[in-house]
PDB file of N, CA and C in Angstrom:
ATOM      1  N   MET A   1     179.364 103.913  83.979  1.00  0.00           N
ATOM      2  CA  MET A   1     179.620 102.711  83.326  1.00  0.00           C
ATOM      3  C   MET A   1     179.236 102.708  81.949  1.00  0.00           C
ATOM      4  N   PRO A   2     180.120 102.252  81.017  1.00  0.00           N
ATOM      5  CA  PRO A   2     179.777 102.357  79.589  1.00  0.00           C
ATOM      6  C   PRO A   2     178.710 101.424  79.304  1.00  0.00           C
ATOM      7  N   MET A   3     177.865 101.773  78.150  1.00  0.00           N
ATOM      8  CA  MET A   3     176.812 101.023  77.874  1.00  0.00           C
ATOM      9  C   MET A   3     177.397  99.989  76.714  1.00  0.00           C
ATOM     10  N   THR A   4     176.679  98.873  76.601  1.00  0.00           N
ATOM     11  CA  THR A   4     176.996  97.840  75.688  1.00  0.00           C
ATOM     12  C   THR A   4     176.336  98.445  74.251  1.00  0.00           C
ATOM     13  N   SER A   5     176.768  97.812  73.221  1.00  0.00           N
ATOM     14  CA  SER A   5     176.244  98.096  71.916  1.00  0.00           C
ATOM     15  C   SER A   5     174.657  97.886  71.910  1.00  0.00           C
ATOM     16  N   GLU A   6     174.235  96.734  72.528  1.00  0.00           N
ATOM     17  CA  GLU A   6     172.887  96.429  72.514  1.00  0.00           C
ATOM     18  C   GLU A   6     172.105  97.512  73.405  1.00  0.00           C
ATOM     19  N   GLN A   7     172.666  98.020  74.366  1.00  0.00           N
ATOM     20  CA  GLN A   7     171.883  99.022  75.228  1.00  0.00           C
ATOM     21  C   GLN A   7     171.817 100.394  74.532  1.00  0.00           C
ATOM     22  N   ARG A   8     172.862 100.706  73.734  1.00  0.00           N
ATOM     23  CA  ARG A   8     172.907 101.960  72.947  1.00  0.00           C
ATOM     24  C   ARG A   8     171.837 101.805  71.904  1.00  0.00           C
ATOM     25  N   SER A   9     171.800 100.574  71.340  1.00  0.00           N
ATOM     26  CA  SER A   9     170.818 100.507  70.080  1.00  0.00           C
ATOM     27  C   SER A   9     169.364 100.558  70.842  1.00  0.00           C
ATOM     28  N   LEU A  10     169.139  99.889  71.941  1.00  0.00           N
ATOM     29  CA  LEU A  10     167.826 100.050  72.523  1.00  0.00           C
ATOM     30  C   LEU A  10     167.513 101.463  72.877  1.00  0.00           C
ATOM     31  N   ARG A  11     168.434 102.099  73.473  1.00  0.00           N
ATOM     32  CA  ARG A  11     168.216 103.639  73.795  1.00  0.00           C
ATOM     33  C   ARG A  11     167.843 104.285  72.545  1.00  0.00           C
ATOM     34  N   SER A  12     168.534 104.141  71.511  1.00  0.00           N
ATOM     35  CA  SER A  12     168.272 104.915  70.263  1.00  0.00           C
ATOM     36  C   SER A  12     166.893 104.465  69.645  1.00  0.00           C
ATOM     37  N   ARG A  13     166.639 103.269  69.721  1.00  0.00           N
ATOM     38  CA  ARG A  13     165.323 102.827  69.215  1.00  0.00           C
ATOM     39  C   ARG A  13     164.154 103.373  69.976  1.00  0.00           C
ATOM     40  N   LEU A  14     164.367 103.529  71.318  1.00  0.00           N
ATOM     41  CA  LEU A  14     163.281 104.207  72.174  1.00  0.00           C
ATOM     42  C   LEU A  14     163.225 105.668  71.951  1.00  0.00           C
ATOM     43  N   GLY A  15     164.272 106.291  71.689  1.00  0.00           N
ATOM     44  CA  GLY A  15     164.275 107.708  71.304  1.00  0.00           C
ATOM     45  C   GLY A  15     163.549 107.915  70.015  1.00  0.00           C
ATOM     46  N   ALA A  16     163.847 107.116  69.010  1.00  0.00           N
ATOM     47  CA  ALA A  16     163.159 107.236  67.666  1.00  0.00           C
ATOM     48  C   ALA A  16     161.698 106.961  67.834  1.00  0.00           C
ATOM     49  N   TYR A  17     161.224 105.965  68.485  1.00  0.00           N
ATOM     50  CA  TYR A  17     159.982 105.692  68.764  1.00  0.00           C
ATOM     51  C   TYR A  17     159.136 106.792  69.513  1.00  0.00           C
ATOM     52  N   THR A  18     159.940 107.338  70.440  1.00  0.00           N
ATOM     53  CA  THR A  18     159.228 108.434  71.230  1.00  0.00           C
ATOM     54  C   THR A  18     158.959 109.741  70.300  1.00  0.00           C
ATOM     55  N   VAL A  19     159.946 109.943  69.503  1.00  0.00           N
ATOM     56  CA  VAL A  19     159.850 111.157  68.630  1.00  0.00           C
ATOM     57  C   VAL A  19     158.762 110.971  67.646  1.00  0.00           C
ATOM     58  N   HIS A  20     158.693 109.661  66.994  1.00  0.00           N
ATOM     59  CA  HIS A  20     157.602 109.490  66.083  1.00  0.00           C
ATOM     60  C   HIS A  20     156.294 109.379  66.539  1.00  0.00           C
ATOM     61  N   SER A  21     156.133 108.946  67.800  1.00  0.00           N
ATOM     62  CA  SER A  21     154.886 108.932  68.561  1.00  0.00           C
ATOM     63  C   SER A  21     154.246 110.282  68.910  1.00  0.00           C
ATOM     64  N   ARG A  22     155.244 111.317  68.970  1.00  0.00           N
ATOM     65  CA  ARG A  22     154.785 112.650  69.292  1.00  0.00           C
ATOM     66  C   ARG A  22     154.659 113.421  68.074  1.00  0.00           C
ATOM     67  N   GLY A  23     154.723 112.830  66.810  1.00  0.00           N
ATOM     68  CA  GLY A  23     154.533 113.463  65.484  1.00  0.00           C
ATOM     69  C   GLY A  23     155.614 114.606  65.408  1.00  0.00           C
ATOM     70  N   LEU A  24     156.793 114.512  65.838  1.00  0.00           N
ATOM     71  CA  LEU A  24     157.812 115.436  65.771  1.00  0.00           C
ATOM     72  C   LEU A  24     158.733 115.177  64.524  1.00  0.00           C
ATOM     73  N   THR A  25     158.338 114.544  63.580  1.00  0.00           N
ATOM     74  CA  THR A  25     159.274 114.107  62.568  1.00  0.00           C
ATOM     75  C   THR A  25     159.226 114.930  61.233  1.00  0.00           C
ATOM     76  N   ASP A  26     158.205 116.020  61.233  1.00  0.00           N
ATOM     77  CA  ASP A  26     158.082 116.709  60.076  1.00  0.00           C
ATOM     78  C   ASP A  26     159.016 117.905  60.088  1.00  0.00           C
ATOM     79  N   THR A  27     160.224 117.575  59.631  1.00  0.00           N
ATOM     80  CA  THR A  27     161.375 118.594  59.671  1.00  0.00           C
ATOM     81  C   THR A  27     161.649 119.193  58.250  1.00  0.00           C
ATOM     82  N   GLU A  28     160.810 118.950  57.206  1.00  0.00           N
ATOM     83  CA  GLU A  28     161.092 119.293  55.906  1.00  0.00           C
ATOM     84  C   GLU A  28     161.163 120.869  55.773  1.00  0.00           C
ATOM     85  N   PRO A  29     160.146 121.745  56.465  1.00  0.00           N
ATOM     86  CA  PRO A  29     160.252 123.064  56.330  1.00  0.00           C
ATOM     87  C   PRO A  29     161.588 123.653  56.907  1.00  0.00           C
ATOM     88  N   THR A  30     161.890 123.162  58.096  1.00  0.00           N
ATOM     89  CA  THR A  30     163.027 123.518  58.749  1.00  0.00           C
ATOM     90  C   THR A  30     164.313 123.183  57.946  1.00  0.00           C
ATOM     91  N   ARG A  31     164.389 122.007  57.422  1.00  0.00           N
ATOM     92  CA  ARG A  31     165.579 121.697  56.577  1.00  0.00           C
ATOM     93  C   ARG A  31     165.581 122.489  55.328  1.00  0.00           C
ATOM     94  N   ALA A  32     164.493 122.702  54.645  1.00  0.00           N
ATOM     95  CA  ALA A  32     164.493 123.625  53.476  1.00  0.00           C
ATOM     96  C   ALA A  32     165.088 124.891  53.817  1.00  0.00           C
ATOM     97  N   ALA A  33     164.616 125.546  54.949  1.00  0.00           N
ATOM     98  CA  ALA A  33     165.019 127.001  55.226  1.00  0.00           C
ATOM     99  C   ALA A  33     166.503 126.854  55.570  1.00  0.00           C
ATOM    100  N   PHE A  34     166.941 125.897  56.189  1.00  0.00           N
ATOM    101  CA  PHE A  34     168.416 125.657  56.534  1.00  0.00           C
ATOM    102  C   PHE A  34     169.315 125.608  55.326  1.00  0.00           C
ATOM    103  N   MET A  35     168.882 124.846  54.331  1.00  0.00           N
ATOM    104  CA  MET A  35     169.643 124.636  53.094  1.00  0.00           C
ATOM    105  C   MET A  35     169.571 125.911  52.258  1.00  0.00           C
ATOM    106  N   ALA A  36     168.453 126.597  52.338  1.00  0.00           N
ATOM    107  CA  ALA A  36     168.353 127.882  51.623  1.00  0.00           C
ATOM    108  C   ALA A  36     169.468 128.918  52.099  1.00  0.00           C
ATOM    109  N   ARG A  37     169.792 128.817  53.359  1.00  0.00           N
ATOM    110  CA  ARG A  37     170.892 129.600  53.918  1.00  0.00           C
ATOM    111  C   ARG A  37     172.208 129.360  53.158  1.00  0.00           C
ATOM    112  N   PHE A  38     172.504 128.163  52.961  1.00  0.00           N
ATOM    113  CA  PHE A  38     173.738 127.796  52.244  1.00  0.00           C
ATOM    114  C   PHE A  38     173.635 128.043  50.760  1.00  0.00           C
ATOM    115  N   GLU A  39     172.548 127.931  50.182  1.00  0.00           N
ATOM    116  CA  GLU A  39     172.257 128.224  48.752  1.00  0.00           C
ATOM    117  C   GLU A  39     172.669 129.711  48.670  1.00  0.00           C
ATOM    118  N   ARG A  40     172.016 130.572  49.571  1.00  0.00           N
ATOM    119  CA  ARG A  40     172.409 132.044  49.489  1.00  0.00           C
ATOM    120  C   ARG A  40     173.878 132.324  49.566  1.00  0.00           C
ATOM    121  N   GLU A  41     174.506 131.486  50.482  1.00  0.00           N
ATOM    122  CA  GLU A  41     175.854 131.675  50.735  1.00  0.00           C
ATOM    123  C   GLU A  41     176.805 131.373  49.439  1.00  0.00           C
ATOM    124  N   VAL A  42     176.421 130.216  48.861  1.00  0.00           N
ATOM    125  CA  VAL A  42     177.101 129.748  47.643  1.00  0.00           C
ATOM    126  C   VAL A  42     176.955 130.604  46.422  1.00  0.00           C
ATOM    127  N   ASP A  43     175.709 130.996  46.191  1.00  0.00           N
ATOM    128  CA  ASP A  43     175.362 131.767  45.045  1.00  0.00           C
ATOM    129  C   ASP A  43     174.394 132.720  45.385  1.00  0.00           C
ATOM    130  N   PRO A  44     174.836 133.823  45.949  1.00  0.00           N
ATOM    131  CA  PRO A  44     173.896 134.879  46.265  1.00  0.00           C
ATOM    132  C   PRO A  44     173.237 135.649  45.145  1.00  0.00           C
ATOM    133  N   GLU A  45     173.744 135.569  43.919  1.00  0.00           N
ATOM    134  CA  GLU A  45     173.107 136.144  42.797  1.00  0.00           C
ATOM    135  C   GLU A  45     172.407 135.129  41.974  1.00  0.00           C
ATOM    136  N   SER A  46     172.337 133.873  42.341  1.00  0.00           N
ATOM    137  CA  SER A  46     171.648 132.888  41.478  1.00  0.00           C
ATOM    138  C   SER A  46     172.177 132.729  40.086  1.00  0.00           C
ATOM    139  N   LYS A  47     173.458 132.735  40.021  1.00  0.00           N
ATOM    140  CA  LYS A  47     174.068 132.555  38.727  1.00  0.00           C
ATOM    141  C   LYS A  47     174.514 131.145  38.362  1.00  0.00           C
ATOM    142  N   LEU A  48     174.565 130.222  39.349  1.00  0.00           N
ATOM    143  CA  LEU A  48     175.077 129.043  39.014  1.00  0.00           C
ATOM    144  C   LEU A  48     173.956 128.208  38.326  1.00  0.00           C
ATOM    145  N   SER A  49     174.430 127.091  37.536  1.00  0.00           N
ATOM    146  CA  SER A  49     173.461 126.247  36.992  1.00  0.00           C
ATOM    147  C   SER A  49     172.687 125.548  38.019  1.00  0.00           C
ATOM    148  N   SER A  50     171.646 124.986  37.647  1.00  0.00           N
ATOM    149  CA  SER A  50     170.745 124.327  38.615  1.00  0.00           C
ATOM    150  C   SER A  50     171.386 123.111  39.326  1.00  0.00           C
ATOM    151  N   ALA A  51     172.095 122.321  38.597  1.00  0.00           N
ATOM    152  CA  ALA A  51     172.853 121.097  39.195  1.00  0.00           C
ATOM    153  C   ALA A  51     173.834 121.668  40.179  1.00  0.00           C
ATOM    154  N   LYS A  52     174.711 122.516  39.698  1.00  0.00           N
ATOM    155  CA  LYS A  52     175.791 123.180  40.615  1.00  0.00           C
ATOM    156  C   LYS A  52     175.108 123.835  41.836  1.00  0.00           C
ATOM    157  N   GLY A  53     174.109 124.586  41.456  1.00  0.00           N
ATOM    158  CA  GLY A  53     173.526 125.320  42.598  1.00  0.00           C
ATOM    159  C   GLY A  53     172.913 124.470  43.701  1.00  0.00           C
ATOM    160  N   GLN A  54     172.594 123.174  43.409  1.00  0.00           N
ATOM    161  CA  GLN A  54     171.960 122.440  44.474  1.00  0.00           C
ATOM    162  C   GLN A  54     173.127 121.564  45.108  1.00  0.00           C
ATOM    163  N   SER A  55     174.280 121.201  44.370  1.00  0.00           N
ATOM    164  CA  SER A  55     175.168 120.338  44.987  1.00  0.00           C
ATOM    165  C   SER A  55     176.057 121.072  45.984  1.00  0.00           C
ATOM    166  N   GLU A  56     176.455 122.266  45.548  1.00  0.00           N
ATOM    167  CA  GLU A  56     177.467 123.127  46.458  1.00  0.00           C
ATOM    168  C   GLU A  56     176.752 123.309  47.740  1.00  0.00           C
ATOM    169  N   PRO A  57     175.442 123.799  48.043  1.00  0.00           N
ATOM    170  CA  PRO A  57     175.008 123.984  49.424  1.00  0.00           C
ATOM    171  C   PRO A  57     175.066 122.740  50.217  1.00  0.00           C
ATOM    172  N   ARG A  58     174.724 121.541  49.483  1.00  0.00           N
ATOM    173  CA  ARG A  58     174.784 120.267  50.292  1.00  0.00           C
ATOM    174  C   ARG A  58     176.116 119.976  50.808  1.00  0.00           C
ATOM    175  N   ARG A  59     177.195 120.243  49.916  1.00  0.00           N
ATOM    176  CA  ARG A  59     178.467 120.164  50.389  1.00  0.00           C
ATOM    177  C   ARG A  59     178.988 120.891  51.451  1.00  0.00           C
ATOM    178  N   LEU A  60     178.496 122.220  51.382  1.00  0.00           N
ATOM    179  CA  LEU A  60     178.896 123.141  52.507  1.00  0.00           C
ATOM    180  C   LEU A  60     178.073 122.938  53.887  1.00  0.00           C
ATOM    181  N   GLY A  61     176.865 122.228  53.601  1.00  0.00           N
ATOM    182  CA  GLY A  61     175.970 121.974  54.716  1.00  0.00           C
ATOM    183  C   GLY A  61     176.383 120.801  55.539  1.00  0.00           C
ATOM    184  N   ARG A  62     177.017 119.785  54.991  1.00  0.00           N
ATOM    185  CA  ARG A  62     177.306 118.539  55.601  1.00  0.00           C
ATOM    186  C   ARG A  62     178.177 118.675  56.869  1.00  0.00           C
ATOM    187  N   PRO A  63     179.289 119.433  56.907  1.00  0.00           N
ATOM    188  CA  PRO A  63     180.030 119.731  58.047  1.00  0.00           C
ATOM    189  C   PRO A  63     179.192 120.339  59.301  1.00  0.00           C
ATOM    190  N   THR A  64     178.338 121.328  58.885  1.00  0.00           N
ATOM    191  CA  THR A  64     177.515 121.948  59.951  1.00  0.00           C
ATOM    192  C   THR A  64     176.412 121.048  60.458  1.00  0.00           C
ATOM    193  N   LEU A  65     175.863 120.299  59.515  1.00  0.00           N
ATOM    194  CA  LEU A  65     174.792 119.410  60.115  1.00  0.00           C
ATOM    195  C   LEU A  65     175.464 118.251  60.993  1.00  0.00           C
ATOM    196  N   THR A  66     176.666 117.847  60.573  1.00  0.00           N
ATOM    197  CA  THR A  66     177.299 116.808  61.288  1.00  0.00           C
ATOM    198  C   THR A  66     177.666 117.421  62.690  1.00  0.00           C
ATOM    199  N   ARG A  67     178.282 118.620  62.629  1.00  0.00           N
ATOM    200  CA  ARG A  67     178.623 119.293  63.946  1.00  0.00           C
ATOM    201  C   ARG A  67     177.477 119.258  64.871  1.00  0.00           C
ATOM    202  N   LEU A  68     176.291 119.653  64.245  1.00  0.00           N
ATOM    203  CA  LEU A  68     175.059 119.733  65.097  1.00  0.00           C
ATOM    204  C   LEU A  68     174.668 118.546  65.695  1.00  0.00           C
ATOM    205  N   ALA A  69     174.722 117.368  64.870  1.00  0.00           N
ATOM    206  CA  ALA A  69     174.378 116.036  65.324  1.00  0.00           C
ATOM    207  C   ALA A  69     175.321 115.588  66.290  1.00  0.00           C
ATOM    208  N   PHE A  70     176.632 115.937  66.322  1.00  0.00           N
ATOM    209  CA  PHE A  70     177.556 115.531  67.271  1.00  0.00           C
ATOM    210  C   PHE A  70     177.246 116.333  68.704  1.00  0.00           C
ATOM    211  N   ARG A  71     177.063 117.579  68.584  1.00  0.00           N
ATOM    212  CA  ARG A  71     176.641 118.243  69.811  1.00  0.00           C
ATOM    213  C   ARG A  71     175.431 117.826  70.457  1.00  0.00           C
ATOM    214  N   SER A  72     174.356 117.514  69.622  1.00  0.00           N
ATOM    215  CA  SER A  72     173.197 116.872  70.149  1.00  0.00           C
ATOM    216  C   SER A  72     173.468 115.488  70.880  1.00  0.00           C
ATOM    217  N   PHE A  73     174.241 114.628  70.161  1.00  0.00           N
ATOM    218  CA  PHE A  73     174.631 113.439  70.903  1.00  0.00           C
ATOM    219  C   PHE A  73     175.336 113.601  72.291  1.00  0.00           C
ATOM    220  N   ARG A  74     176.250 114.605  72.285  1.00  0.00           N
ATOM    221  CA  ARG A  74     176.974 114.866  73.501  1.00  0.00           C
ATOM    222  C   ARG A  74     176.106 115.298  74.592  1.00  0.00           C
ATOM    223  N   SER A  75     175.180 116.257  74.311  1.00  0.00           N
ATOM    224  CA  SER A  75     174.184 116.688  75.202  1.00  0.00           C
ATOM    225  C   SER A  75     173.318 115.553  75.743  1.00  0.00           C
ATOM    226  N   LEU A  76     172.870 114.669  74.980  1.00  0.00           N
ATOM    227  CA  LEU A  76     172.086 113.523  75.350  1.00  0.00           C
ATOM    228  C   LEU A  76     172.779 112.473  76.192  1.00  0.00           C
ATOM    229  N   SER A  77     174.147 112.388  76.003  1.00  0.00           N
ATOM    230  CA  SER A  77     174.825 111.273  76.706  1.00  0.00           C
ATOM    231  C   SER A  77     175.541 111.795  78.071  1.00  0.00           C
ATOM    232  N   ARG A  78     175.212 113.026  78.414  1.00  0.00           N
ATOM    233  CA  ARG A  78     175.693 113.357  79.842  1.00  0.00           C
ATOM    234  C   ARG A  78     174.884 112.945  80.898  1.00  0.00           C
TER     235      ARG A  78
END
C-alpha cells in the first residue's frame, strides 16, 4: 500500500531524529575524502586555479552523490 505524503514525511523525520540521536552526523571527514577523489580526477597535477579547482570536482561529484542517495532510498523503501 502506498504511503501518503504525511506518512513519508513522518518516516523521514523519525529517521533524521534517530541518526542525530546516535551522533552519526559527523560526515565531514568522509565528505572531504570523497571530494578529494574528484579533485584528483579533475586536476591530478594541481594546475587549475583555486576557484576552478574547487568547482569542477563539485560538478563531477553531484551525479555520483545523487546516484548514491537514490540507491540508499531504494534500499530503505523495500
